[in-house]
C-alpha atoms as a PDB file:
ATOM      1  CA  UNK A   1     100.767  51.021 146.968  1.00  0.00           C
ATOM      2  CA  UNK A   2     100.878  54.330 148.806  1.00  0.00           C
ATOM      3  CA  UNK A   3     104.172  55.271 147.165  1.00  0.00           C
ATOM      4  CA  UNK A   4     102.860  54.574 143.659  1.00  0.00           C
ATOM      5  CA  UNK A   5      99.796  56.728 144.419  1.00  0.00           C
ATOM      6  CA  UNK A   6     101.951  59.591 145.705  1.00  0.00           C
ATOM      7  CA  UNK A   7     104.245  59.340 142.669  1.00  0.00           C
ATOM      8  CA  UNK A   8     101.290  59.369 140.289  1.00  0.00           C
ATOM      9  CA  UNK A   9      99.667  62.350 142.049  1.00  0.00           C
ATOM     10  CA  UNK A  10     102.955  64.336 142.092  1.00  0.00           C
ATOM     11  CA  UNK A  11     103.799  63.593 138.459  1.00  0.00           C
ATOM     12  CA  UNK A  12     100.310  64.523 137.195  1.00  0.00           C
ATOM     13  CA  UNK A  13     100.285  67.708 139.329  1.00  0.00           C
ATOM     14  CA  UNK A  14     103.690  68.724 137.934  1.00  0.00           C
ATOM     15  CA  UNK A  15     102.656  68.197 134.313  1.00  0.00           C
ATOM     16  CA  UNK A  16      99.384  70.022 135.001  1.00  0.00           C
ATOM     17  CA  UNK A  17     101.338  73.023 136.238  1.00  0.00           C
ATOM     18  CA  UNK A  18     103.605  73.037 133.167  1.00  0.00           C
ATOM     19  CA  UNK A  19     100.624  72.751 130.885  1.00  0.00           C
ATOM     20  CA  UNK A  20      98.627  75.421 132.745  1.00  0.00           C
ATOM     21  CA  UNK A  21     101.347  78.024 132.910  1.00  0.00           C
ATOM     22  CA  UNK A  22     103.342  77.134 129.841  1.00  0.00           C
ATOM     23  CA  UNK A  23     102.857  78.696 126.443  1.00  0.00           C
ATOM     24  CA  UNK A  24     101.958  76.780 123.260  1.00  0.00           C
ATOM     25  CA  UNK A  25     105.611  75.852 122.687  1.00  0.00           C
ATOM     26  CA  UNK A  26     105.914  74.296 126.147  1.00  0.00           C
ATOM     27  CA  UNK A  27     102.674  72.315 125.583  1.00  0.00           C
ATOM     28  CA  UNK A  28     103.890  71.057 122.263  1.00  0.00           C
ATOM     29  CA  UNK A  29     107.249  70.035 123.739  1.00  0.00           C
ATOM     30  CA  UNK A  30     105.516  68.139 126.573  1.00  0.00           C
ATOM     31  CA  UNK A  31     103.627  66.101 123.977  1.00  0.00           C
ATOM     32  CA  UNK A  32     106.876  65.367 122.163  1.00  0.00           C
ATOM     33  CA  UNK A  33     108.580  63.967 125.255  1.00  0.00           C
ATOM     34  CA  UNK A  34     108.829  60.259 124.470  1.00  0.00           C
ATOM     35  CA  UNK A  35     106.238  58.243 126.367  1.00  0.00           C
ATOM     36  CA  UNK A  36     105.301  61.041 128.771  1.00  0.00           C
ATOM     37  CA  UNK A  37     101.575  60.897 128.217  1.00  0.00           C
ATOM     38  CA  UNK A  38     101.382  57.081 128.203  1.00  0.00           C
ATOM     39  CA  UNK A  39     103.677  56.977 131.304  1.00  0.00           C
ATOM     40  CA  UNK A  40     101.180  59.165 133.156  1.00  0.00           C
ATOM     41  CA  UNK A  41      98.380  56.722 132.199  1.00  0.00           C
ATOM     42  CA  UNK A  42     100.499  53.811 133.345  1.00  0.00           C
ATOM     43  CA  UNK A  43     101.099  55.462 136.658  1.00  0.00           C
ATOM     44  CA  UNK A  44      97.381  55.504 137.105  1.00  0.00           C
ATOM     45  CA  UNK A  45      97.066  51.712 137.365  1.00  0.00           C
ATOM     46  CA  UNK A  46      94.099  49.973 139.024  1.00  0.00           C
ATOM     47  CA  UNK A  47      95.326  50.513 142.556  1.00  0.00           C
ATOM     48  CA  UNK A  48      95.770  54.245 141.980  1.00  0.00           C
ATOM     49  CA  UNK A  49      92.411  54.491 140.287  1.00  0.00           C
ATOM     50  CA  UNK A  50      90.677  53.082 143.381  1.00  0.00           C
ATOM     51  CA  UNK A  51      92.039  56.069 145.299  1.00  0.00           C
ATOM     52  CA  UNK A  52      91.546  58.797 142.718  1.00  0.00           C
ATOM     53  CA  UNK A  53      91.411  61.999 144.725  1.00  0.00           C
ATOM     54  CA  UNK A  54      89.503  65.046 143.596  1.00  0.00           C
ATOM     55  CA  UNK A  55      92.741  67.038 142.892  1.00  0.00           C
ATOM     56  CA  UNK A  56      94.162  64.174 140.845  1.00  0.00           C
ATOM     57  CA  UNK A  57      90.990  63.928 138.692  1.00  0.00           C
ATOM     58  CA  UNK A  58      90.907  67.702 138.250  1.00  0.00           C
ATOM     59  CA  UNK A  59      94.561  67.730 137.146  1.00  0.00           C
ATOM     60  CA  UNK A  60      93.944  64.961 134.660  1.00  0.00           C
ATOM     61  CA  UNK A  61      91.103  66.995 133.192  1.00  0.00           C
ATOM     62  CA  UNK A  62      93.205  70.185 133.124  1.00  0.00           C
ATOM     63  CA  UNK A  63      96.067  68.425 131.326  1.00  0.00           C
ATOM     64  CA  UNK A  64      93.785  66.984 128.669  1.00  0.00           C
ATOM     65  CA  UNK A  65      91.929  70.272 128.167  1.00  0.00           C
ATOM     66  CA  UNK A  66      94.966  72.502 128.019  1.00  0.00           C
ATOM     67  CA  UNK A  67      96.896  70.216 125.735  1.00  0.00           C
ATOM     68  CA  UNK A  68      94.134  69.586 123.252  1.00  0.00           C
ATOM     69  CA  UNK A  69      92.346  72.935 122.972  1.00  0.00           C
ATOM     70  CA  UNK A  70      92.405  74.027 119.309  1.00  0.00           C
ATOM     71  CA  UNK A  71      95.173  71.563 118.526  1.00  0.00           C
ATOM     72  CA  UNK A  72      94.076  68.308 116.840  1.00  0.00           C
ATOM     73  CA  UNK A  73      97.663  67.027 116.646  1.00  0.00           C
ATOM     74  CA  UNK A  74      98.055  67.132 120.426  1.00  0.00           C
ATOM     75  CA  UNK A  75      94.524  65.705 120.835  1.00  0.00           C
ATOM     76  CA  UNK A  76      95.631  62.697 118.724  1.00  0.00           C
ATOM     77  CA  UNK A  77      98.790  62.345 120.856  1.00  0.00           C
ATOM     78  CA  UNK A  78      96.545  62.135 123.985  1.00  0.00           C
ATOM     79  CA  UNK A  79      94.318  59.560 122.320  1.00  0.00           C
ATOM     80  CA  UNK A  80      97.302  57.440 121.184  1.00  0.00           C
ATOM     81  CA  UNK A  81      98.596  57.503 124.814  1.00  0.00           C
ATOM     82  CA  UNK A  82      95.336  56.054 126.187  1.00  0.00           C
ATOM     83  CA  UNK A  83      93.801  59.223 127.618  1.00  0.00           C
ATOM     84  CA  UNK A  84      90.262  58.409 126.413  1.00  0.00           C
ATOM     85  CA  UNK A  85      90.148  55.476 128.830  1.00  0.00           C
ATOM     86  CA  UNK A  86      91.875  57.476 131.597  1.00  0.00           C
ATOM     87  CA  UNK A  87      89.431  60.353 131.399  1.00  0.00           C
ATOM     88  CA  UNK A  88      86.369  58.109 131.402  1.00  0.00           C
ATOM     89  CA  UNK A  89      87.731  56.043 134.290  1.00  0.00           C
ATOM     90  CA  UNK A  90      88.571  59.263 136.236  1.00  0.00           C
ATOM     91  CA  UNK A  91      85.075  60.580 135.665  1.00  0.00           C
ATOM     92  CA  UNK A  92      83.557  57.332 136.909  1.00  0.00           C
ATOM     93  CA  UNK A  93      85.791  57.441 140.022  1.00  0.00           C
ATOM     94  CA  UNK A  94      84.705  60.945 140.985  1.00  0.00           C
ATOM     95  CA  UNK A  95      81.274  61.132 139.391  1.00  0.00           C
ATOM     96  CA  UNK A  96      79.759  62.488 142.581  1.00  0.00           C
ATOM     97  CA  UNK A  97      82.152  65.425 142.861  1.00  0.00           C
ATOM     98  CA  UNK A  98      80.981  68.532 140.988  1.00  0.00           C
ATOM     99  CA  UNK A  99      84.465  70.115 140.480  1.00  0.00           C
ATOM    100  CA  UNK A 100      86.065  66.887 139.293  1.00  0.00           C
ATOM    101  CA  UNK A 101      83.115  66.229 136.953  1.00  0.00           C
ATOM    102  CA  UNK A 102      83.424  69.767 135.570  1.00  0.00           C
ATOM    103  CA  UNK A 103      87.130  69.467 134.669  1.00  0.00           C
ATOM    104  CA  UNK A 104      86.887  65.975 133.158  1.00  0.00           C
ATOM    105  CA  UNK A 105      83.728  66.693 131.141  1.00  0.00           C
ATOM    106  CA  UNK A 106      85.359  69.932 129.958  1.00  0.00           C
ATOM    107  CA  UNK A 107      88.338  67.953 128.683  1.00  0.00           C
ATOM    108  CA  UNK A 108      86.188  65.301 126.983  1.00  0.00           C
ATOM    109  CA  UNK A 109      84.052  68.021 125.353  1.00  0.00           C
ATOM    110  CA  UNK A 110      87.169  69.809 124.086  1.00  0.00           C
ATOM    111  CA  UNK A 111      88.751  66.596 122.759  1.00  0.00           C
ATOM    112  CA  UNK A 112      85.545  65.699 120.943  1.00  0.00           C
ATOM    113  CA  UNK A 113      84.991  69.191 119.604  1.00  0.00           C
ATOM    114  CA  UNK A 114      88.532  70.014 118.494  1.00  0.00           C
ATOM    115  CA  UNK A 115      89.945  66.572 117.839  1.00  0.00           C
ATOM    116  CA  UNK A 116      89.591  64.362 114.780  1.00  0.00           C
ATOM    117  CA  UNK A 117      87.283  61.363 114.362  1.00  0.00           C
ATOM    118  CA  UNK A 118      89.618  59.045 116.224  1.00  0.00           C
ATOM    119  CA  UNK A 119      88.751  60.875 119.431  1.00  0.00           C
ATOM    120  CA  UNK A 120      85.085  60.073 118.953  1.00  0.00           C
ATOM    121  CA  UNK A 121      85.833  56.374 118.238  1.00  0.00           C
ATOM    122  CA  UNK A 122      88.088  55.975 121.270  1.00  0.00           C
ATOM    123  CA  UNK A 123      85.669  57.697 123.623  1.00  0.00           C
ATOM    124  CA  UNK A 124      82.862  55.424 122.443  1.00  0.00           C
ATOM    125  CA  UNK A 125      85.119  52.409 122.972  1.00  0.00           C
ATOM    126  CA  UNK A 126      86.015  53.645 126.483  1.00  0.00           C
ATOM    127  CA  UNK A 127      82.339  53.759 127.488  1.00  0.00           C
ATOM    128  CA  UNK A 128      82.034  57.532 127.530  1.00  0.00           C
ATOM    129  CA  UNK A 129      78.322  57.576 126.545  1.00  0.00           C
ATOM    130  CA  UNK A 130      77.076  55.759 129.595  1.00  0.00           C
ATOM    131  CA  UNK A 131      79.440  57.638 131.916  1.00  0.00           C
ATOM    132  CA  UNK A 132      78.369  61.008 130.514  1.00  0.00           C
ATOM    133  CA  UNK A 133      74.681  60.044 130.968  1.00  0.00           C
ATOM    134  CA  UNK A 134      75.352  59.108 134.546  1.00  0.00           C
ATOM    135  CA  UNK A 135      77.138  62.402 135.082  1.00  0.00           C
ATOM    136  CA  UNK A 136      74.135  64.337 133.658  1.00  0.00           C
ATOM    137  CA  UNK A 137      71.826  62.523 136.048  1.00  0.00           C
ATOM    138  CA  UNK A 138      74.150  63.176 138.987  1.00  0.00           C
ATOM    139  CA  UNK A 139      74.587  66.938 138.254  1.00  0.00           C
ATOM    140  CA  UNK A 140      71.294  68.140 136.735  1.00  0.00           C
ATOM    141  CA  UNK A 141      71.686  71.688 138.031  1.00  0.00           C
ATOM    142  CA  UNK A 142      75.290  72.381 137.110  1.00  0.00           C
ATOM    143  CA  UNK A 143      74.943  74.258 133.824  1.00  0.00           C
ATOM    144  CA  UNK A 144      78.549  73.823 132.695  1.00  0.00           C
ATOM    145  CA  UNK A 145      78.683  70.077 133.393  1.00  0.00           C
ATOM    146  CA  UNK A 146      75.262  69.713 131.741  1.00  0.00           C
ATOM    147  CA  UNK A 147      76.445  71.658 128.691  1.00  0.00           C
ATOM    148  CA  UNK A 148      79.734  69.633 128.368  1.00  0.00           C
ATOM    149  CA  UNK A 149      77.863  66.346 128.719  1.00  0.00           C
ATOM    150  CA  UNK A 150      75.030  67.208 126.371  1.00  0.00           C
ATOM    151  CA  UNK A 151      77.351  68.490 123.682  1.00  0.00           C
ATOM    152  CA  UNK A 152      79.674  65.500 124.039  1.00  0.00           C
ATOM    153  CA  UNK A 153      76.772  63.081 123.803  1.00  0.00           C
ATOM    154  CA  UNK A 154      75.493  64.886 120.708  1.00  0.00           C
ATOM    155  CA  UNK A 155      78.944  64.446 119.083  1.00  0.00           C
ATOM    156  CA  UNK A 156      78.976  60.818 120.120  1.00  0.00           C
ATOM    157  CA  UNK A 157      75.596  60.380 118.377  1.00  0.00           C
ATOM    158  CA  UNK A 158      73.437  59.926 121.445  1.00  0.00           C
ATOM    159  CA  UNK A 159      71.240  62.975 121.661  1.00  0.00           C
END
């Protein structure tokens, strides 16, 4: 169990660094690596989710944001790999942490804003509405989290 958690954390941290510091070509190449995005989701099985650390959740949010910003094709690749569920589950796991909530709501907001309709459908199916509402209640004074949640809920047809 501990080994799987450490592998998942290291893999996601490594990809987050490539995505953060890489240019657009690097980001596109990462999406094209067969099964990379879905493998990262698989690494985050139930036992890993129970131990989601703040840095792990932040890195998941950073990867999704940096890959999807202004690029609907990469947004679809994330959705096809199961990242809607992963992001919602990560947000639920670290709902109380302001920094983790910021990065994940930022990613969800970006995917919904820049991505095609399939993003909206998959986030609704993943239970994003209720999770975003809980996040709003938990962080009423954080303007960025509030803005991300409110805008995302508006796109999802809830406000």
